[in-house]
Amino acid sequence: MANSKYTWDTRPNLPERLPEARRPVGLSLTSLIMLRWIAVAGQMATVLVIHFAFGFDLAVFPCLIAIGALAASNLALMASKRRRLTELRAASLLAFDLLQLASLIGLTGGLQNPFALLLLAPVTVSATILSRRATLALTSLAVMAATFVTFFHLPLPWRGDEGLQLPLVYMLGIWTALTMSIVFMATYVWTASEESRRLSDALSESAAALARERELSALGALAAAAAHELGSPLATIAVVSKELMSEVDKDSPLYEDVELLKSQSDRCREILVGLSHQPDATGDPFETLPLSNLVELAVDEHVPDHVELDILIDESCEGPEPMVRRTPEFLHGLGNFASNAGQYAKKQVWIRIYWTPRDVWISVHDDGPGFSHSVLQMLGEPYMSTRAGQDGHMGLGVFIATTLLERIGGHSAFRNRRGAEALVHWDRDDLEAPAETLL
């Protein structure tokens, strides 16, 4: 541990806290069946009301056949034993719904029918729950269906012999607006849903990493407790075996057994002493540590042997050193930053610590090539890494670190400063352990 003068005036602005992640919406077969029954009821009511209540002349029987096809397919789904939808099955059902809706629109005026906008519905559902490939296929199908009913359709239902025939230019305008809306909605909704799914998966990885860290801490605490509880009986065994050795003659056949008993009890005591000093043991004496000691514990063994690690305390620190509660979030989050720095460093990694009565800063700095401009702009987002997909890297290390540190009040920022540097800032009141825990 060393002191070093370090300039903190050029620290960058910190990003806002990450928003709460919302889990992506899935669609079960039961939900899809319910939505399709709503569609059947809506289509049936619309056709009957327009024909009988408003007196518009339309091809009622072909329309009822199209609606009946949707109802029949829904009954077949209800009889299915598989209650979850695979992507292929969901895409097939949405394609069927799209074609059924297009046929109904073709029977009632084509794109002149105001309900032609409903062609957006299956594509939007696909963009929400299906892959890019499936959504692209359904989008193409919707555009082709819209193109077909533009030129091949029955007349728009109207009273008497008046009729309504829109100009071709206007029809092409409607087609352009509808197809652009289909493409835009599919792209926009799929992108938003995919970001939500990726963020949800990344947060699940963060939760899993935190759970693993807590399990290790709990295991260390259990080892320390076992060492403490077994210390007394083993000490008794050692005393008794020593007395037996002094009383049993060396030529006695029992002497070797007594000697073995004593050597094994001594070995057990050595093992328990080692367990009681494991770094993951979280007994009360080490639950709260000085910040510098906790930082040293967090980054220990995260930097490769060929890279020199220096932990430095800034000379301009103000006030007493913070006493910080040992948490899995702190250990795993700062450890991830140190590990990332160690993998890119040429020869050295510096951990710099600075505190005032109000703030605490920790800098993880390496002498490597630094962050590329494209990565720096989005660093901290899930699945963002120059090594994502290589050798098992998922691009989640920095995201997990920032997420875990944020849980204990830390804000992370990144910059290039003769190498890559990760900065973590806390309000001291959020990081420092309450006074009563230090008693």
Protein backbone atom coordinates (compact mmCIF):
# COMPACT_ATOMS: atom_id res chain seq x y z
CA MET A 1 0.00 0.00 0.00
CA ALA A 2 1.39 3.39 -0.96
CA ASN A 3 0.47 7.05 -1.08
CA SER A 4 0.35 8.95 -4.35
CA LYS A 5 -0.59 12.46 -5.40
CA TYR A 6 -3.43 12.11 -7.88
CA THR A 7 -5.48 14.77 -9.67
CA TRP A 8 -9.22 14.26 -9.32
CA ASP A 9 -10.35 17.57 -10.84
CA THR A 10 -10.70 16.10 -14.33
CA ARG A 11 -13.12 13.35 -13.38
CA PRO A 12 -15.94 13.00 -15.94
CA ASN A 13 -19.61 13.45 -15.32
CA LEU A 14 -21.25 10.33 -13.94
CA PRO A 15 -24.12 8.64 -15.75
CA GLU A 16 -27.59 8.46 -14.33
CA ARG A 17 -28.67 5.37 -12.44
CA LEU A 18 -29.66 2.47 -14.57
CA PRO A 19 -33.43 2.16 -14.92
CA GLU A 20 -35.27 -0.76 -13.38
CA ALA A 21 -35.41 -3.50 -15.82
CA ARG A 22 -38.82 -4.84 -16.96
CA ARG A 23 -39.05 -8.44 -18.05
CA PRO A 24 -40.00 -8.96 -21.74
CA VAL A 25 -43.60 -9.99 -22.42
CA GLY A 26 -44.07 -13.57 -23.58
CA LEU A 27 -47.20 -15.06 -25.09
CA SER A 28 -48.61 -18.41 -24.05
CA LEU A 29 -51.00 -20.46 -26.13
CA THR A 30 -53.83 -19.62 -23.73
CA SER A 31 -53.24 -15.87 -24.21
CA LEU A 32 -53.11 -16.23 -27.99
CA ILE A 33 -56.35 -18.23 -28.02
CA MET A 34 -58.06 -15.53 -25.96
CA LEU A 35 -56.83 -12.78 -28.32
CA ARG A 36 -58.04 -14.71 -31.34
CA TRP A 37 -61.51 -15.19 -29.81
CA ILE A 38 -61.64 -11.44 -29.29
CA ALA A 39 -60.74 -11.02 -32.97
CA VAL A 40 -63.48 -13.48 -34.01
CA ALA A 41 -66.09 -11.64 -31.92
CA GLY A 42 -64.97 -8.24 -33.22
CA GLN A 43 -64.99 -9.31 -36.87
CA MET A 44 -68.37 -11.01 -36.54
CA ALA A 45 -69.95 -8.02 -34.82
CA THR A 46 -68.49 -5.57 -37.37
CA VAL A 47 -69.74 -7.53 -40.39
CA LEU A 48 -73.26 -8.07 -38.99
CA VAL A 49 -73.70 -4.50 -37.76
CA ILE A 50 -72.48 -2.95 -41.03
CA HIS A 51 -74.69 -5.19 -43.15
CA PHE A 52 -77.91 -5.40 -41.12
CA ALA A 53 -77.87 -2.27 -38.93
CA PHE A 54 -76.32 0.24 -41.35
CA GLY A 55 -77.65 -1.34 -44.54
CA PHE A 56 -74.32 -1.54 -46.38
CA ASP A 57 -74.24 -4.17 -49.10
CA LEU A 58 -71.36 -6.59 -48.58
CA ALA A 59 -70.53 -10.23 -49.30
CA VAL A 60 -71.81 -11.56 -45.98
CA PHE A 61 -71.45 -15.27 -46.71
CA PRO A 62 -67.77 -15.16 -47.87
CA CYS A 63 -67.00 -12.93 -44.87
CA LEU A 64 -68.59 -15.42 -42.49
CA ILE A 65 -66.53 -18.21 -44.09
CA ALA A 66 -63.32 -16.25 -43.43
CA ILE A 67 -64.36 -15.59 -39.83
CA GLY A 68 -65.39 -19.24 -39.43
CA ALA A 69 -61.92 -20.34 -40.57
CA LEU A 70 -60.37 -18.28 -37.75
CA ALA A 71 -62.84 -19.73 -35.21
CA ALA A 72 -62.19 -23.29 -36.41
CA SER A 73 -58.44 -22.88 -36.12
CA ASN A 74 -58.93 -21.55 -32.60
CA LEU A 75 -60.99 -24.59 -31.65
CA ALA A 76 -58.19 -26.80 -32.98
CA LEU A 77 -55.72 -24.89 -30.81
CA MET A 78 -57.91 -25.39 -27.74
CA ALA A 79 -57.77 -29.15 -28.31
CA SER A 80 -53.98 -29.08 -28.49
CA LYS A 81 -52.08 -30.61 -25.58
CA ARG A 82 -49.06 -28.36 -25.98
CA ARG A 83 -49.69 -25.26 -23.91
CA ARG A 84 -46.52 -23.35 -24.84
CA LEU A 85 -45.77 -21.95 -28.27
CA THR A 86 -42.55 -22.64 -30.12
CA GLU A 87 -41.33 -19.85 -32.39
CA LEU A 88 -42.20 -21.76 -35.57
CA ARG A 89 -45.70 -22.50 -34.32
CA ALA A 90 -46.32 -18.94 -33.18
CA ALA A 91 -45.05 -17.55 -36.50
CA SER A 92 -47.31 -19.96 -38.41
CA LEU A 93 -50.37 -18.91 -36.39
CA LEU A 94 -49.63 -15.21 -36.87
CA ALA A 95 -49.14 -15.78 -40.60
CA PHE A 96 -52.53 -17.52 -40.74
CA ASP A 97 -54.15 -14.65 -38.84
CA LEU A 98 -52.55 -12.14 -41.22
CA LEU A 99 -53.82 -13.93 -44.32
CA GLN A 100 -57.30 -14.38 -42.78
CA LEU A 101 -57.48 -10.68 -42.00
CA ALA A 102 -56.22 -9.77 -45.49
CA SER A 103 -58.89 -11.97 -47.08
CA LEU A 104 -61.60 -10.30 -44.98
CA ILE A 105 -60.31 -6.85 -45.97
CA GLY A 106 -60.23 -7.92 -49.64
CA LEU A 107 -63.89 -8.92 -49.38
CA THR A 108 -64.85 -5.53 -47.96
CA GLY A 109 -63.16 -2.96 -50.17
CA GLY A 110 -59.41 -3.61 -49.90
CA LEU A 111 -57.31 -0.72 -48.67
CA GLN A 112 -60.30 1.59 -49.02
CA ASN A 113 -61.64 -0.18 -45.92
CA PRO A 114 -60.60 1.81 -42.80
CA PHE A 115 -60.03 -1.49 -40.96
CA ALA A 116 -57.06 -2.22 -43.26
CA LEU A 117 -54.90 -0.76 -40.48
CA LEU A 118 -55.47 -4.00 -38.56
CA LEU A 119 -52.82 -5.61 -40.78
CA LEU A 120 -50.39 -4.02 -38.34
CA ALA A 121 -51.59 -6.21 -35.45
CA PRO A 122 -50.00 -9.62 -36.31
CA VAL A 123 -46.72 -7.93 -37.27
CA THR A 124 -46.62 -5.99 -33.99
CA VAL A 125 -47.27 -9.15 -31.98
CA SER A 126 -44.50 -10.93 -33.87
CA ALA A 127 -42.06 -8.08 -33.23
CA THR A 128 -42.84 -8.32 -29.53
CA ILE A 129 -42.30 -12.04 -28.99
CA LEU A 130 -40.49 -13.56 -31.98
CA SER A 131 -37.00 -13.41 -33.46
CA ARG A 132 -35.82 -10.97 -36.10
CA ARG A 133 -36.02 -13.62 -38.81
CA ALA A 134 -39.64 -14.53 -38.03
CA THR A 135 -40.63 -10.87 -37.74
CA LEU A 136 -38.96 -10.08 -41.09
CA ALA A 137 -40.86 -12.93 -42.74
CA LEU A 138 -44.21 -11.75 -41.33
CA THR A 139 -43.44 -8.15 -42.29
CA SER A 140 -42.78 -9.24 -45.88
CA LEU A 141 -45.99 -11.26 -45.88
CA ALA A 142 -47.97 -8.27 -44.59
CA VAL A 143 -46.54 -5.99 -47.30
CA MET A 144 -47.41 -8.56 -49.99
CA ALA A 145 -50.92 -8.97 -48.58
CA ALA A 146 -51.44 -5.20 -48.54
CA THR A 147 -50.19 -5.00 -52.15
CA PHE A 148 -52.52 -7.79 -53.25
CA VAL A 149 -55.70 -6.33 -51.73
CA THR A 150 -54.82 -2.94 -53.23
CA PHE A 151 -55.49 -4.26 -56.75
CA PHE A 152 -57.69 -7.33 -56.12
CA HIS A 153 -60.70 -6.68 -53.92
CA LEU A 154 -64.48 -6.44 -53.92
CA PRO A 155 -66.03 -2.97 -53.94
CA LEU A 156 -66.20 -1.04 -50.69
CA PRO A 157 -69.65 -1.67 -49.12
CA TRP A 158 -71.92 1.34 -49.65
CA ARG A 159 -75.60 2.21 -49.55
CA GLY A 160 -77.65 1.63 -52.70
CA ASP A 161 -76.01 2.24 -56.03
CA GLU A 162 -73.91 5.22 -54.95
CA GLY A 163 -70.68 3.33 -54.51
CA LEU A 164 -67.30 4.84 -53.76
CA GLN A 165 -64.27 4.55 -56.00
CA LEU A 166 -61.12 6.31 -54.82
CA PRO A 167 -58.53 7.52 -57.38
CA LEU A 168 -55.54 5.27 -58.06
CA VAL A 169 -53.11 7.91 -56.83
CA TYR A 170 -54.93 8.09 -53.51
CA MET A 171 -54.95 4.30 -53.25
CA LEU A 172 -51.21 4.22 -53.86
CA GLY A 173 -50.82 6.80 -51.11
CA ILE A 174 -52.76 4.59 -48.70
CA TRP A 175 -50.65 1.60 -49.73
CA THR A 176 -47.44 3.55 -49.18
CA ALA A 177 -48.57 4.79 -45.76
CA LEU A 178 -49.68 1.30 -44.68
CA THR A 179 -46.55 -0.52 -45.85
CA MET A 180 -44.26 2.08 -44.30
CA SER A 181 -46.22 1.81 -41.05
CA ILE A 182 -45.88 -1.97 -41.11
CA VAL A 183 -42.11 -1.80 -41.64
CA PHE A 184 -41.62 0.98 -39.11
CA MET A 185 -43.74 -0.63 -36.39
CA ALA A 186 -42.07 -4.00 -36.88
CA THR A 187 -38.59 -2.46 -36.67
CA TYR A 188 -39.37 -0.17 -33.75
CA VAL A 189 -41.24 -2.71 -31.63
CA TRP A 190 -38.74 -5.52 -32.29
CA THR A 191 -35.79 -3.28 -31.40
CA ALA A 192 -37.42 -2.12 -28.17
CA SER A 193 -38.45 -5.65 -27.21
CA GLU A 194 -35.02 -7.06 -28.00
CA GLU A 195 -33.34 -4.40 -25.85
CA SER A 196 -35.73 -5.29 -23.04
CA ARG A 197 -34.98 -9.00 -23.40
CA ARG A 198 -31.23 -8.41 -23.49
CA LEU A 199 -31.36 -6.18 -20.45
CA SER A 200 -33.47 -8.72 -18.61
CA ASP A 201 -31.02 -11.53 -19.45
CA ALA A 202 -28.07 -9.36 -18.41
CA LEU A 203 -29.68 -8.51 -15.08
CA SER A 204 -30.35 -12.20 -14.53
CA GLU A 205 -26.63 -12.81 -15.05
CA SER A 206 -25.90 -10.05 -12.52
CA ALA A 207 -28.25 -11.65 -10.02
CA ALA A 208 -26.59 -15.03 -10.59
CA ALA A 209 -23.11 -13.52 -10.08
CA LEU A 210 -24.27 -11.88 -6.85
CA ALA A 211 -25.83 -15.15 -5.67
CA ARG A 212 -22.55 -16.99 -6.33
CA GLU A 213 -20.62 -14.34 -4.41
CA ARG A 214 -23.01 -14.62 -1.48
CA GLU A 215 -22.73 -18.39 -1.49
CA LEU A 216 -18.95 -18.12 -1.32
CA SER A 217 -19.22 -15.64 1.55
CA ALA A 218 -21.67 -17.91 3.37
CA LEU A 219 -19.36 -20.88 2.84
CA GLY A 220 -16.45 -18.92 4.30
CA ALA A 221 -18.53 -17.94 7.30
CA LEU A 222 -19.56 -21.57 7.80
CA ALA A 223 -15.91 -22.65 7.64
CA ALA A 224 -14.94 -20.06 10.24
CA ALA A 225 -17.79 -21.15 12.50
CA ALA A 226 -16.80 -24.82 12.13
CA ALA A 227 -13.19 -23.98 12.99
CA HIS A 228 -14.31 -22.11 16.08
CA GLU A 229 -16.69 -24.81 17.30
CA LEU A 230 -14.33 -27.74 16.68
CA GLY A 231 -11.31 -25.99 18.18
CA SER A 232 -12.16 -26.86 21.79
CA PRO A 233 -12.79 -30.63 21.38
CA LEU A 234 -9.67 -30.98 19.22
CA ALA A 235 -7.62 -29.18 21.86
CA THR A 236 -8.93 -31.65 24.44
CA ILE A 237 -8.00 -34.59 22.20
CA ALA A 238 -4.51 -33.14 21.70
CA VAL A 239 -3.99 -32.76 25.47
CA VAL A 240 -5.21 -36.28 26.21
CA SER A 241 -3.10 -37.81 23.43
CA LYS A 242 -0.02 -35.95 24.70
CA GLU A 243 -0.57 -37.29 28.23
CA LEU A 244 -1.04 -40.79 26.87
CA MET A 245 2.25 -40.55 24.99
CA SER A 246 4.04 -39.60 28.19
CA GLU A 247 2.46 -42.52 30.07
CA VAL A 248 2.75 -45.25 27.43
CA ASP A 249 6.15 -46.82 27.03
CA LYS A 250 7.78 -46.35 23.63
CA ASP A 251 8.21 -50.10 23.31
CA SER A 252 4.49 -50.66 23.88
CA PRO A 253 2.43 -51.71 20.82
CA LEU A 254 -0.03 -48.92 21.75
CA TYR A 255 2.58 -46.17 21.45
CA GLU A 256 2.39 -45.95 17.65
CA ASP A 257 -1.42 -45.67 17.84
CA VAL A 258 -1.22 -42.88 20.43
CA GLU A 259 1.43 -41.08 18.37
CA LEU A 260 -0.78 -41.36 15.26
CA LEU A 261 -3.76 -40.01 17.23
CA LYS A 262 -1.74 -36.97 18.34
CA SER A 263 -0.33 -36.26 14.86
CA GLN A 264 -3.78 -36.46 13.28
CA SER A 265 -5.32 -34.17 15.91
CA ASP A 266 -2.52 -31.65 15.26
CA ARG A 267 -3.20 -31.86 11.54
CA CYS A 268 -6.90 -31.25 12.12
CA ARG A 269 -6.08 -28.17 14.16
CA GLU A 270 -3.86 -26.84 11.36
CA ILE A 271 -6.66 -27.36 8.84
CA LEU A 272 -9.16 -25.54 11.05
CA VAL A 273 -6.75 -22.67 11.61
CA GLY A 274 -6.43 -22.35 7.84
CA LEU A 275 -10.21 -22.36 7.41
CA SER A 276 -10.64 -19.68 10.03
CA HIS A 277 -8.30 -17.40 8.04
CA GLN A 278 -9.94 -17.90 4.64
CA PRO A 279 -10.58 -14.55 2.90
CA ASP A 280 -14.23 -15.44 2.38
CA ALA A 281 -14.89 -15.85 6.10
CA THR A 282 -17.23 -13.08 7.14
CA GLY A 283 -17.26 -13.30 10.89
CA ASP A 284 -17.99 -10.24 12.98
CA PRO A 285 -14.32 -9.15 13.43
CA PHE A 286 -13.97 -8.64 9.66
CA GLU A 287 -17.49 -7.64 8.67
CA THR A 288 -16.48 -3.98 8.55
CA LEU A 289 -13.03 -2.98 7.27
CA PRO A 290 -11.09 0.16 6.41
CA LEU A 291 -11.72 1.09 2.78
CA SER A 292 -8.14 0.41 1.67
CA ASN A 293 -8.17 -3.08 3.21
CA LEU A 294 -11.51 -3.88 1.61
CA VAL A 295 -10.24 -2.71 -1.78
CA GLU A 296 -7.16 -4.90 -1.39
CA LEU A 297 -9.40 -7.84 -0.52
CA ALA A 298 -11.68 -7.16 -3.52
CA VAL A 299 -8.94 -7.00 -6.16
CA ASP A 300 -6.75 -9.74 -4.70
CA GLU A 301 -6.07 -12.52 -7.22
CA HIS A 302 -8.00 -10.70 -9.98
CA VAL A 303 -4.86 -9.35 -11.67
CA PRO A 304 -2.55 -11.78 -13.57
CA ASP A 305 0.85 -12.57 -12.06
CA HIS A 306 2.80 -10.85 -14.85
CA VAL A 307 0.99 -7.54 -14.19
CA GLU A 308 2.12 -5.38 -11.26
CA LEU A 309 -0.70 -4.20 -8.99
CA ASP A 310 -0.36 -1.00 -6.96
CA ILE A 311 -3.01 0.15 -4.49
CA LEU A 312 -2.49 3.86 -3.79
CA ILE A 313 -4.12 6.23 -1.30
CA ASP A 314 -4.22 9.83 -2.48
CA GLU A 315 -2.21 12.22 -0.29
CA SER A 316 -4.94 14.86 -0.38
CA CYS A 317 -7.60 12.68 1.29
CA GLU A 318 -9.63 14.59 3.85
CA GLY A 319 -10.85 13.15 7.14
CA PRO A 320 -10.54 9.66 8.58
CA GLU A 321 -10.53 6.64 6.32
CA PRO A 322 -14.04 5.28 5.70
CA MET A 323 -15.02 2.06 7.43
CA VAL A 324 -16.97 0.03 4.89
CA ARG A 325 -19.20 -2.98 5.33
CA ARG A 326 -17.94 -6.02 3.46
CA THR A 327 -20.58 -6.90 0.87
CA PRO A 328 -20.61 -9.28 -2.10
CA GLU A 329 -21.63 -6.35 -4.33
CA PHE A 330 -18.48 -4.39 -3.47
CA LEU A 331 -16.14 -7.38 -3.71
CA HIS A 332 -17.51 -8.74 -6.97
CA GLY A 333 -18.08 -5.36 -8.65
CA LEU A 334 -14.63 -3.92 -7.95
CA GLY A 335 -13.06 -7.32 -8.61
CA ASN A 336 -14.61 -7.34 -12.10
CA PHE A 337 -13.11 -3.92 -12.88
CA ALA A 338 -9.69 -5.09 -11.65
CA SER A 339 -9.94 -8.30 -13.67
CA ASN A 340 -10.85 -6.38 -16.82
CA ALA A 341 -7.94 -3.97 -16.29
CA GLY A 342 -5.51 -6.84 -15.68
CA GLN A 343 -6.48 -8.53 -18.94
CA TYR A 344 -5.71 -5.42 -21.02
CA ALA A 345 -2.74 -4.04 -19.03
CA LYS A 346 0.77 -4.24 -20.46
CA LYS A 347 2.72 -4.16 -17.20
CA GLN A 348 0.79 -2.39 -14.45
CA VAL A 349 -2.62 -1.76 -12.88
CA TRP A 350 -3.20 1.04 -10.37
CA ILE A 351 -6.04 1.16 -7.85
CA ARG A 352 -6.28 4.70 -6.49
CA ILE A 353 -8.42 5.64 -3.48
CA TYR A 354 -9.54 9.12 -2.54
CA TRP A 355 -12.04 10.31 0.07
CA THR A 356 -13.42 13.49 1.59
CA PRO A 357 -15.99 13.98 4.35
CA ARG A 358 -18.68 13.75 1.68
CA ASP A 359 -17.37 11.60 -1.20
CA VAL A 360 -15.40 8.45 -1.91
CA TRP A 361 -13.67 7.75 -5.23
CA ILE A 362 -11.95 4.59 -6.44
CA SER A 363 -10.05 4.53 -9.75
CA VAL A 364 -9.04 1.34 -11.57
CA HIS A 365 -6.41 2.33 -14.14
CA ASP A 366 -4.25 0.23 -16.47
CA ASP A 367 -1.43 1.01 -18.89
CA GLY A 368 -3.08 -0.81 -21.78
CA PRO A 369 -4.36 0.55 -25.11
CA GLY A 370 -7.45 2.14 -23.54
CA PHE A 371 -11.05 1.99 -24.68
CA SER A 372 -11.87 2.37 -28.36
CA HIS A 373 -14.11 5.33 -29.11
CA SER A 374 -17.04 3.14 -30.19
CA VAL A 375 -16.86 1.00 -27.04
CA LEU A 376 -16.38 3.99 -24.72
CA GLN A 377 -19.64 5.55 -25.88
CA MET A 378 -21.67 2.51 -24.79
CA LEU A 379 -19.53 0.98 -22.05
CA GLY A 380 -21.66 -0.31 -19.21
CA GLU A 381 -24.42 -1.53 -21.51
CA PRO A 382 -25.04 -5.31 -21.59
CA TYR A 383 -23.31 -7.43 -24.24
CA MET A 384 -20.92 -4.58 -25.08
CA SER A 385 -17.34 -5.81 -25.45
CA THR A 386 -14.62 -6.05 -28.07
CA ARG A 387 -14.32 -9.73 -27.06
CA ALA A 388 -18.04 -10.58 -26.94
CA GLY A 389 -18.51 -14.07 -28.34
CA GLN A 390 -14.78 -14.92 -28.12
CA ASP A 391 -13.49 -17.55 -25.69
CA GLY A 392 -16.77 -17.50 -23.76
CA HIS A 393 -16.84 -13.70 -23.27
CA MET A 394 -20.42 -12.39 -23.25
CA GLY A 395 -19.72 -8.68 -22.88
CA LEU A 396 -21.34 -8.67 -19.44
CA GLY A 397 -18.38 -8.11 -17.09
CA VAL A 398 -18.54 -4.32 -16.95
CA PHE A 399 -22.34 -4.33 -16.94
CA ILE A 400 -22.45 -6.74 -14.00
CA ALA A 401 -19.84 -4.69 -12.14
CA THR A 402 -21.69 -1.39 -12.62
CA THR A 403 -25.01 -2.97 -11.70
CA LEU A 404 -23.69 -4.53 -8.49
CA LEU A 405 -21.88 -1.36 -7.41
CA GLU A 406 -25.00 0.65 -8.14
CA ARG A 407 -26.90 -1.50 -5.67
CA ILE A 408 -24.69 -0.12 -2.91
CA GLY A 409 -24.90 3.47 -4.13
CA GLY A 410 -21.94 3.56 -6.53
CA HIS A 411 -21.90 5.46 -9.84
CA SER A 412 -19.45 4.28 -12.51
CA ALA A 413 -17.82 6.22 -15.34
CA PHE A 414 -15.10 5.42 -17.86
CA ARG A 415 -12.45 7.34 -19.75
CA ASN A 416 -9.08 7.08 -21.48
CA ARG A 417 -6.18 8.61 -19.51
CA ARG A 418 -2.91 7.13 -20.78
CA GLY A 419 -4.71 3.82 -20.67
CA ALA A 420 -8.20 2.78 -19.65
CA GLU A 421 -9.65 4.05 -16.39
CA ALA A 422 -12.83 3.10 -14.55
CA LEU A 423 -14.02 5.48 -11.84
CA VAL A 424 -16.50 4.64 -9.10
CA HIS A 425 -18.00 7.32 -6.90
CA TRP A 426 -20.07 7.06 -3.74
CA ASP A 427 -21.65 9.54 -1.42
CA ARG A 428 -19.74 8.69 1.73
CA ASP A 429 -22.93 8.33 3.77
CA ASP A 430 -24.16 5.63 1.36
CA LEU A 431 -20.94 3.62 1.43
CA GLU A 432 -19.69 3.98 5.00
CA ALA A 433 -21.00 1.53 7.59
CA PRO A 434 -23.27 2.98 10.30
CA ALA A 435 -21.45 3.84 13.50
CA GLU A 436 -23.29 1.24 15.56
CA THR A 437 -21.82 -1.59 13.46
CA LEU A 438 -18.30 -0.54 14.45
CA LEU A 439 -18.88 -1.07 18.18
